[in-house]
């Protein structure tokens, strides 16, 4: 049972790590574009630091 638990933990950590890298790559481009956009920065939500991005992963249900 211990081997199965170790394998399961390894696989979950590996998938989680890869997913984190994918999400970081997706959101960093959007965040940079938002920060460099004068119109976006003029919005009150931007000025109050209340803008959040949510990545969307298609194909995962």
N, C-alpha and C. Protein backbone atom coordinates (compact mmCIF):
# COMPACT_ATOMS: atom_id res chain seq x y z
N UNK A 1 0.82 -1.19 0.00
CA UNK A 1 0.00 0.00 0.00
C UNK A 1 0.87 1.26 0.00
N UNK A 2 2.00 1.22 0.68
CA UNK A 2 2.88 2.37 0.76
C UNK A 2 3.41 2.75 -0.62
N UNK A 3 3.74 1.76 -1.45
CA UNK A 3 4.26 2.03 -2.79
C UNK A 3 3.19 2.73 -3.62
N UNK A 4 1.96 2.28 -3.50
CA UNK A 4 0.86 2.91 -4.24
C UNK A 4 0.65 4.34 -3.79
N UNK A 5 0.72 4.60 -2.51
CA UNK A 5 0.57 5.96 -1.99
C UNK A 5 1.70 6.86 -2.49
N UNK A 6 2.92 6.34 -2.48
CA UNK A 6 4.07 7.11 -2.96
C UNK A 6 3.93 7.44 -4.44
N UNK A 7 3.51 6.46 -5.22
CA UNK A 7 3.33 6.66 -6.65
C UNK A 7 2.22 7.68 -6.91
N UNK A 8 1.14 7.55 -6.20
CA UNK A 8 0.02 8.48 -6.35
C UNK A 8 0.44 9.91 -6.01
N UNK A 9 1.17 10.07 -4.92
CA UNK A 9 1.66 11.39 -4.53
C UNK A 9 2.61 11.97 -5.57
N UNK A 10 3.49 11.13 -6.09
CA UNK A 10 4.43 11.57 -7.12
C UNK A 10 3.70 12.06 -8.36
N UNK A 11 2.72 11.28 -8.83
CA UNK A 11 1.97 11.65 -10.03
C UNK A 11 1.18 12.94 -9.82
N UNK A 12 0.56 13.07 -8.68
CA UNK A 12 -0.22 14.28 -8.40
C UNK A 12 0.68 15.51 -8.35
N UNK A 13 1.83 15.39 -7.72
CA UNK A 13 2.77 16.51 -7.65
C UNK A 13 3.32 16.87 -9.02
N UNK A 14 3.59 15.87 -9.84
CA UNK A 14 4.11 16.10 -11.18
C UNK A 14 3.09 16.83 -12.04
N UNK A 15 1.84 16.36 -12.01
CA UNK A 15 0.77 16.99 -12.79
C UNK A 15 0.52 18.40 -12.28
N UNK A 16 0.49 18.56 -10.98
CA UNK A 16 0.25 19.88 -10.39
C UNK A 16 1.35 20.87 -10.78
N UNK A 17 2.57 20.43 -10.77
CA UNK A 17 3.70 21.28 -11.12
C UNK A 17 3.62 21.72 -12.59
N UNK A 18 3.29 20.79 -13.47
CA UNK A 18 3.17 21.13 -14.89
C UNK A 18 2.01 22.08 -15.12
N UNK A 19 0.90 21.84 -14.44
CA UNK A 19 -0.26 22.72 -14.58
C UNK A 19 0.06 24.12 -14.07
N UNK A 20 0.78 24.22 -12.96
CA UNK A 20 1.18 25.52 -12.44
C UNK A 20 2.02 26.30 -13.46
N UNK A 21 2.94 25.61 -14.13
CA UNK A 21 3.78 26.28 -15.13
C UNK A 21 2.96 26.75 -16.32
N UNK A 22 2.01 25.94 -16.76
CA UNK A 22 1.14 26.32 -17.89
C UNK A 22 0.31 27.54 -17.52
N UNK A 23 -0.30 27.52 -16.35
CA UNK A 23 -1.14 28.63 -15.92
C UNK A 23 -0.33 29.91 -15.74
N UNK A 24 0.87 29.81 -15.22
CA UNK A 24 1.74 30.98 -15.05
C UNK A 24 2.07 31.60 -16.40
N UNK A 25 2.38 30.75 -17.37
CA UNK A 25 2.72 31.23 -18.70
C UNK A 25 1.51 31.94 -19.34
N UNK A 26 0.32 31.38 -19.16
CA UNK A 26 -0.89 31.99 -19.74
C UNK A 26 -1.21 33.33 -19.08
N UNK A 27 -1.16 33.38 -17.77
CA UNK A 27 -1.59 34.61 -17.08
C UNK A 27 -0.54 35.71 -17.13
N UNK A 28 0.73 35.37 -17.23
CA UNK A 28 1.76 36.41 -17.23
C UNK A 28 1.64 37.31 -18.45
N UNK A 29 1.32 36.76 -19.60
CA UNK A 29 1.15 37.55 -20.81
C UNK A 29 -0.03 38.50 -20.67
N UNK A 30 -1.13 38.00 -20.15
CA UNK A 30 -2.33 38.82 -19.96
C UNK A 30 -2.07 39.93 -18.95
N UNK A 31 -1.41 39.60 -17.87
CA UNK A 31 -1.13 40.60 -16.83
C UNK A 31 -0.23 41.70 -17.37
N UNK A 32 0.77 41.35 -18.14
CA UNK A 32 1.67 42.34 -18.72
C UNK A 32 0.91 43.26 -19.68
N UNK A 33 0.07 42.67 -20.52
CA UNK A 33 -0.72 43.48 -21.45
C UNK A 33 -1.63 44.44 -20.71
N UNK A 34 -2.26 43.96 -19.65
CA UNK A 34 -3.17 44.79 -18.86
C UNK A 34 -2.41 45.95 -18.21
N UNK A 35 -1.27 45.64 -17.65
CA UNK A 35 -0.48 46.66 -16.96
C UNK A 35 0.04 47.74 -17.92
N UNK A 36 0.27 47.38 -19.16
CA UNK A 36 0.81 48.32 -20.14
C UNK A 36 -0.28 49.08 -20.90
N UNK A 37 -1.55 48.76 -20.66
CA UNK A 37 -2.65 49.38 -21.37
C UNK A 37 -3.17 50.58 -20.60
N UNK A 38 -3.04 51.77 -21.18
CA UNK A 38 -3.44 53.00 -20.50
C UNK A 38 -4.93 53.02 -20.18
N UNK A 39 -5.76 52.52 -21.09
CA UNK A 39 -7.21 52.52 -20.85
C UNK A 39 -7.54 51.59 -19.68
N UNK A 40 -6.94 50.41 -19.67
CA UNK A 40 -7.19 49.46 -18.58
C UNK A 40 -6.74 50.05 -17.25
N UNK A 41 -5.63 50.76 -17.26
CA UNK A 41 -5.11 51.33 -16.03
C UNK A 41 -5.93 52.51 -15.53
N UNK A 42 -6.72 53.11 -16.42
CA UNK A 42 -7.56 54.24 -16.00
C UNK A 42 -8.83 53.78 -15.28
N UNK A 43 -9.15 52.49 -15.36
CA UNK A 43 -10.35 51.97 -14.70
C UNK A 43 -10.16 51.97 -13.18
N UNK A 44 -11.25 52.23 -12.48
CA UNK A 44 -11.15 52.32 -11.01
C UNK A 44 -10.69 51.00 -10.39
N UNK A 45 -11.11 49.87 -10.96
CA UNK A 45 -10.68 48.58 -10.41
C UNK A 45 -9.17 48.43 -10.50
N UNK A 46 -8.57 48.90 -11.60
CA UNK A 46 -7.11 48.83 -11.74
C UNK A 46 -6.44 49.75 -10.73
N UNK A 47 -6.99 50.94 -10.56
CA UNK A 47 -6.39 51.89 -9.64
C UNK A 47 -6.48 51.42 -8.19
N UNK A 48 -7.50 50.63 -7.89
CA UNK A 48 -7.67 50.11 -6.54
C UNK A 48 -7.09 48.70 -6.38
N UNK A 49 -6.36 48.26 -7.41
CA UNK A 49 -5.71 46.94 -7.39
C UNK A 49 -6.72 45.82 -7.14
N UNK A 50 -7.86 45.88 -7.83
CA UNK A 50 -8.90 44.88 -7.66
C UNK A 50 -9.15 44.11 -8.95
N UNK A 51 -8.12 43.90 -9.74
CA UNK A 51 -8.26 43.16 -10.99
C UNK A 51 -7.59 41.80 -10.81
N UNK A 52 -8.34 40.76 -11.15
CA UNK A 52 -7.84 39.40 -11.01
C UNK A 52 -8.03 38.68 -12.33
N UNK A 53 -7.10 37.85 -12.69
CA UNK A 53 -7.24 37.06 -13.92
C UNK A 53 -7.50 35.61 -13.53
N UNK A 54 -8.31 34.97 -14.33
CA UNK A 54 -8.63 33.57 -14.11
C UNK A 54 -8.35 32.83 -15.40
N UNK A 55 -7.37 31.96 -15.40
CA UNK A 55 -7.10 31.19 -16.60
C UNK A 55 -8.20 30.17 -16.84
N UNK A 56 -8.46 29.91 -18.10
CA UNK A 56 -9.47 28.92 -18.46
C UNK A 56 -8.77 27.77 -19.14
N UNK A 57 -9.07 26.58 -18.69
CA UNK A 57 -8.47 25.39 -19.26
C UNK A 57 -9.56 24.65 -20.01
N UNK A 58 -9.46 24.64 -21.33
CA UNK A 58 -10.48 23.95 -22.12
C UNK A 58 -10.15 22.47 -22.19
N UNK A 59 -11.17 21.70 -22.33
CA UNK A 59 -10.98 20.25 -22.45
C UNK A 59 -10.94 19.53 -21.11
N UNK A 60 -11.03 20.26 -20.02
CA UNK A 60 -11.04 19.63 -18.70
C UNK A 60 -12.41 19.83 -18.07
N UNK A 61 -13.06 18.75 -17.78
CA UNK A 61 -14.39 18.85 -17.19
C UNK A 61 -14.37 18.47 -15.74
